[in-house]
Amino acid sequence: MDLIDSKDELLLTFVKALLSEGELSIFVILKGVCINGTLIPEYKYYEYLADFYEKNSKDKNKILAISAFKDLSEASKSNSNPKIDFIHLKNVVTSSDVGRNKNFIRIKLSEIDAFSLS
C-alpha cells in the first residue's frame, strides 16, 4: 500500500525557494491552532537556536547543545538536495497565547492544515 505524500506542493515550493537565503511572513493552521511567524531556511533556524541558547540558557550542557545546533546548521547549508519534511519559523505567535512571542518553532509539513502568506 502506497502512502500519499500529504505535503502541500505550493508551501513546499516556498520552502525550497528559501533553502539558501530569505525570509517570508506566513500564517499556518495546525490542528486548529493559528500560527503567525516568519518562514526561514533550516540552517538559519539552527543558527538562531545556537545564538538563543548561548545567550539565554543556564543549562550545564549548554556548550554541547550549542555545538550540536551549529553542526546541524552547517550540515543543512551543505546539503544541496535536502529532504524537506519541516518548515522553520521565527517570531512565532499562536492563537492560544496571543501577545506572547515564541522565538522559534519547527512544524512537520504533512501536519499543516492550511497556510497563507501574510
Protein backbone atom coordinates (compact mmCIF):
# COMPACT_ATOMS: atom_id res chain seq x y z
CA MET A 1 0.00 0.00 0.00
CA ASP A 2 1.45 3.35 -1.04
CA LEU A 3 1.07 6.28 1.29
CA ILE A 4 0.06 9.56 -0.30
CA ASP A 5 2.52 12.39 0.35
CA SER A 6 0.35 14.92 2.13
CA LYS A 7 2.74 17.88 1.86
CA ASP A 8 1.24 20.96 0.24
CA GLU A 9 3.18 21.41 -3.02
CA LEU A 10 2.76 25.19 -3.04
CA LEU A 11 4.10 25.52 0.50
CA LEU A 12 6.92 23.13 -0.40
CA THR A 13 7.80 25.43 -3.33
CA PHE A 14 8.16 28.40 -0.95
CA VAL A 15 10.30 26.36 1.44
CA LYS A 16 12.57 25.23 -1.42
CA ALA A 17 12.92 28.84 -2.59
CA LEU A 18 14.25 29.74 0.88
CA LEU A 19 16.78 26.91 1.15
CA SER A 20 19.78 29.19 0.89
CA GLU A 21 18.53 32.61 1.91
CA GLY A 22 15.48 34.75 2.55
CA GLU A 23 12.51 35.06 4.84
CA LEU A 24 8.76 35.08 4.27
CA SER A 25 5.89 36.05 6.58
CA ILE A 26 3.42 33.19 6.86
CA PHE A 27 0.25 32.15 8.66
CA VAL A 28 -0.43 28.43 9.20
CA ILE A 29 -3.22 26.42 10.78
CA LEU A 30 -2.05 23.33 12.60
CA LYS A 31 -4.69 21.13 14.24
CA GLY A 32 -6.91 24.16 14.90
CA VAL A 33 -4.12 26.39 16.21
CA CYS A 34 -3.36 29.53 14.20
CA ILE A 35 0.34 30.33 13.97
CA ASN A 36 1.91 33.50 12.60
CA GLY A 37 5.63 33.72 12.01
CA THR A 38 8.47 34.23 9.61
CA LEU A 39 9.49 31.29 7.43
CA ILE A 40 13.27 30.88 7.45
CA PRO A 41 15.79 28.43 5.96
CA GLU A 42 16.54 25.36 8.06
CA TYR A 43 20.19 26.33 8.60
CA LYS A 44 19.12 29.74 9.95
CA TYR A 45 16.75 28.02 12.37
CA TYR A 46 19.70 26.12 13.85
CA GLU A 47 21.87 29.26 13.90
CA TYR A 48 19.16 31.18 15.75
CA LEU A 49 18.76 28.33 18.25
CA ALA A 50 22.52 28.24 18.89
CA ASP A 51 22.59 32.01 19.48
CA PHE A 52 19.44 31.96 21.61
CA TYR A 53 20.71 29.05 23.72
CA GLU A 54 24.09 30.74 24.16
CA LYS A 55 22.50 33.98 25.42
CA ASN A 56 19.64 32.60 27.49
CA SER A 57 20.44 29.15 28.82
CA LYS A 58 21.78 28.38 32.25
CA ASP A 59 21.89 24.66 31.46
CA LYS A 60 25.18 22.98 32.32
CA ASN A 61 25.13 21.16 28.95
CA LYS A 62 24.79 24.43 27.07
CA ILE A 63 28.11 24.05 25.19
CA LEU A 64 27.08 20.63 23.88
CA ALA A 65 23.71 21.96 22.67
CA ILE A 66 25.27 25.00 21.00
CA SER A 67 27.81 22.79 19.24
CA ALA A 68 25.05 20.44 18.05
CA PHE A 69 22.97 23.33 16.66
CA LYS A 70 26.00 24.75 14.85
CA ASP A 71 26.81 21.33 13.37
CA LEU A 72 23.21 20.94 12.20
CA SER A 73 23.33 24.39 10.62
CA GLU A 74 26.49 23.56 8.68
CA ALA A 75 25.09 20.19 7.56
CA SER A 76 21.90 21.88 6.39
CA LYS A 77 23.84 24.54 4.47
CA SER A 78 25.98 21.98 2.67
CA ASN A 79 23.11 19.67 1.67
CA SER A 80 22.29 20.58 -1.93
CA ASN A 81 19.30 18.24 -2.21
CA PRO A 82 17.64 18.02 1.21
CA LYS A 83 14.54 16.03 2.04
CA ILE A 84 12.10 18.67 3.21
CA ASP A 85 9.75 17.46 5.92
CA PHE A 86 9.56 20.53 8.17
CA ILE A 87 9.15 24.27 8.00
CA HIS A 88 11.05 26.53 10.37
CA LEU A 89 9.61 29.76 11.76
CA LYS A 90 10.91 32.61 13.90
CA ASN A 91 8.97 35.38 15.68
CA VAL A 92 6.11 32.97 16.32
CA VAL A 93 2.76 33.99 17.79
CA THR A 94 -0.02 31.42 18.21
CA SER A 95 -3.77 31.85 18.67
CA SER A 96 -3.61 30.05 22.00
CA ASP A 97 -1.26 32.61 23.52
CA VAL A 98 -1.91 35.86 21.69
CA GLY A 99 0.53 38.55 22.65
CA ARG A 100 3.28 36.16 23.71
CA ASN A 101 6.05 35.81 21.21
CA LYS A 102 7.61 32.39 20.98
CA ASN A 103 11.02 32.60 19.43
CA PHE A 104 11.14 29.61 17.09
CA ILE A 105 9.13 26.59 16.02
CA ARG A 106 9.67 23.62 13.71
CA ILE A 107 6.49 22.25 12.13
CA LYS A 108 6.05 19.00 10.23
CA LEU A 109 4.87 19.86 6.71
CA SER A 110 2.43 16.97 6.49
CA GLU A 111 0.66 18.17 9.67
CA ILE A 112 -0.23 21.63 8.34
CA ASP A 113 -3.94 22.02 7.60
CA ALA A 114 -3.77 25.36 5.78
CA PHE A 115 -1.45 28.29 5.16
CA SER A 116 -1.42 31.80 3.79
CA LEU A 117 1.33 34.28 3.13
CA SER A 118 0.92 37.25 5.44
